[in-house]
Structure formats: structure tokens, C-alpha cells
């Protein structure tokens, strides 16, 4: 899933790592070799 805006949250389904977008640079977030899942909230 592509990063779209500041403030979005993402979680790794493998290790549970979570990130909040501070700067949009395009592309997708990857952790443990897999795309991170967007956290709805």
C-alpha cells in the first residue's frame, strides 16, 4: 500500500513494528520483507 499522507499509521504483520508517517516520499513501507499494513483509526 502506497503512503499517501502525513499522520498515517502502519504495522508490520510479522514483528508488530509500528510507524507514523512524518514525511511523504512515495513508495511503500516494508518491514521483515513484507509490505506493512495500514492501521485504520
N, C-alpha and C. Protein backbone atom coordinates (compact mmCIF):
# COMPACT_ATOMS: atom_id res chain seq x y z
N UNK A 1 0.84 -1.18 0.00
CA UNK A 1 0.00 0.00 0.00
C UNK A 1 0.89 1.24 0.00
N UNK A 2 0.61 2.16 -0.89
CA UNK A 2 1.42 3.37 -1.02
C UNK A 2 1.09 4.37 0.09
N UNK A 3 2.13 5.01 0.60
CA UNK A 3 1.96 6.07 1.59
C UNK A 3 1.32 7.27 0.90
N UNK A 4 0.26 7.83 1.51
CA UNK A 4 -0.48 8.91 0.87
C UNK A 4 -0.40 10.24 1.60
N UNK A 5 -0.37 10.21 2.97
CA UNK A 5 -0.38 11.49 3.67
C UNK A 5 0.27 11.40 5.05
N UNK A 6 0.66 12.55 5.56
CA UNK A 6 1.26 12.66 6.89
C UNK A 6 0.25 12.20 7.94
N UNK A 7 0.72 11.48 8.94
CA UNK A 7 -0.13 11.04 10.05
C UNK A 7 -0.67 9.63 9.91
N UNK A 8 -0.51 9.01 8.73
CA UNK A 8 -0.96 7.63 8.57
C UNK A 8 -0.12 6.71 9.45
N UNK A 9 -0.72 5.63 9.93
CA UNK A 9 -0.01 4.65 10.76
C UNK A 9 0.02 3.32 10.04
N UNK A 10 1.16 2.62 10.18
CA UNK A 10 1.34 1.32 9.55
C UNK A 10 1.92 0.34 10.57
N UNK A 11 1.57 -0.96 10.42
CA UNK A 11 2.05 -2.00 11.32
C UNK A 11 2.57 -3.18 10.51
N UNK A 12 3.67 -3.76 11.00
CA UNK A 12 4.23 -4.97 10.38
C UNK A 12 3.47 -6.18 10.91
N UNK A 13 2.98 -7.02 9.98
CA UNK A 13 2.23 -8.22 10.39
C UNK A 13 3.14 -9.32 10.92
N UNK A 14 4.46 -9.18 10.75
CA UNK A 14 5.41 -10.20 11.21
C UNK A 14 5.90 -9.89 12.63
N UNK A 15 6.47 -8.69 12.83
CA UNK A 15 7.08 -8.37 14.13
C UNK A 15 6.28 -7.38 14.97
N UNK A 16 5.27 -6.74 14.38
CA UNK A 16 4.44 -5.81 15.13
C UNK A 16 4.97 -4.39 15.18
N UNK A 17 6.08 -4.12 14.50
CA UNK A 17 6.64 -2.77 14.45
C UNK A 17 5.59 -1.81 13.89
N UNK A 18 5.46 -0.61 14.48
CA UNK A 18 4.51 0.39 14.01
C UNK A 18 5.23 1.68 13.67
N UNK A 19 4.77 2.36 12.61
CA UNK A 19 5.35 3.64 12.21
C UNK A 19 4.23 4.63 11.92
N UNK A 20 4.53 5.91 12.11
CA UNK A 20 3.64 7.00 11.75
C UNK A 20 4.37 7.84 10.71
N UNK A 21 3.71 8.15 9.61
CA UNK A 21 4.32 8.90 8.52
C UNK A 21 4.53 10.36 8.94
N UNK A 22 5.77 10.82 8.83
CA UNK A 22 6.12 12.19 9.16
C UNK A 22 6.40 13.01 7.89
N UNK A 23 6.79 12.33 6.81
CA UNK A 23 7.05 12.99 5.54
C UNK A 23 6.71 12.02 4.42
N UNK A 24 5.91 12.46 3.47
CA UNK A 24 5.51 11.61 2.35
C UNK A 24 6.57 11.68 1.28
N UNK A 25 7.11 10.53 0.91
CA UNK A 25 8.13 10.48 -0.11
C UNK A 25 7.78 9.53 -1.25
N UNK A 26 6.60 8.94 -1.17
CA UNK A 26 6.18 8.00 -2.20
C UNK A 26 6.63 6.60 -1.87
N UNK A 27 6.14 5.64 -2.62
CA UNK A 27 6.51 4.25 -2.42
C UNK A 27 5.71 3.58 -1.32
N UNK A 28 6.20 2.41 -0.90
CA UNK A 28 5.53 1.64 0.14
C UNK A 28 6.49 1.39 1.29
N UNK A 29 5.94 1.13 2.46
CA UNK A 29 6.75 0.82 3.64
C UNK A 29 6.89 -0.70 3.73
N UNK A 30 8.13 -1.16 3.97
CA UNK A 30 8.42 -2.59 4.03
C UNK A 30 9.15 -2.90 5.34
N UNK A 31 8.77 -3.98 6.00
CA UNK A 31 9.42 -4.45 7.22
C UNK A 31 9.40 -5.97 7.18
N UNK A 32 10.46 -6.60 7.61
CA UNK A 32 10.57 -8.07 7.62
C UNK A 32 10.31 -8.67 6.23
N UNK A 33 10.64 -7.89 5.18
CA UNK A 33 10.50 -8.38 3.82
C UNK A 33 9.10 -8.34 3.26
N UNK A 34 8.14 -7.75 4.00
CA UNK A 34 6.75 -7.68 3.55
C UNK A 34 6.24 -6.25 3.66
N UNK A 35 5.27 -5.91 2.80
CA UNK A 35 4.65 -4.60 2.89
C UNK A 35 3.93 -4.45 4.22
N UNK A 36 4.03 -3.26 4.81
CA UNK A 36 3.37 -3.01 6.09
C UNK A 36 1.88 -2.74 5.83
N UNK A 37 1.03 -3.06 6.82
CA UNK A 37 -0.42 -2.88 6.72
C UNK A 37 -0.80 -1.53 7.32
N UNK A 38 -1.67 -0.80 6.63
CA UNK A 38 -2.16 0.48 7.14
C UNK A 38 -3.11 0.21 8.31
N UNK A 39 -2.93 0.98 9.39
CA UNK A 39 -3.79 0.88 10.56
C UNK A 39 -4.90 1.91 10.40
N UNK A 40 -6.11 1.43 10.34
CA UNK A 40 -7.28 2.35 10.24
C UNK A 40 -7.62 2.85 11.63
N UNK A 41 -7.92 4.13 11.71
CA UNK A 41 -8.26 4.62 13.05
C UNK A 41 -8.52 6.05 13.14
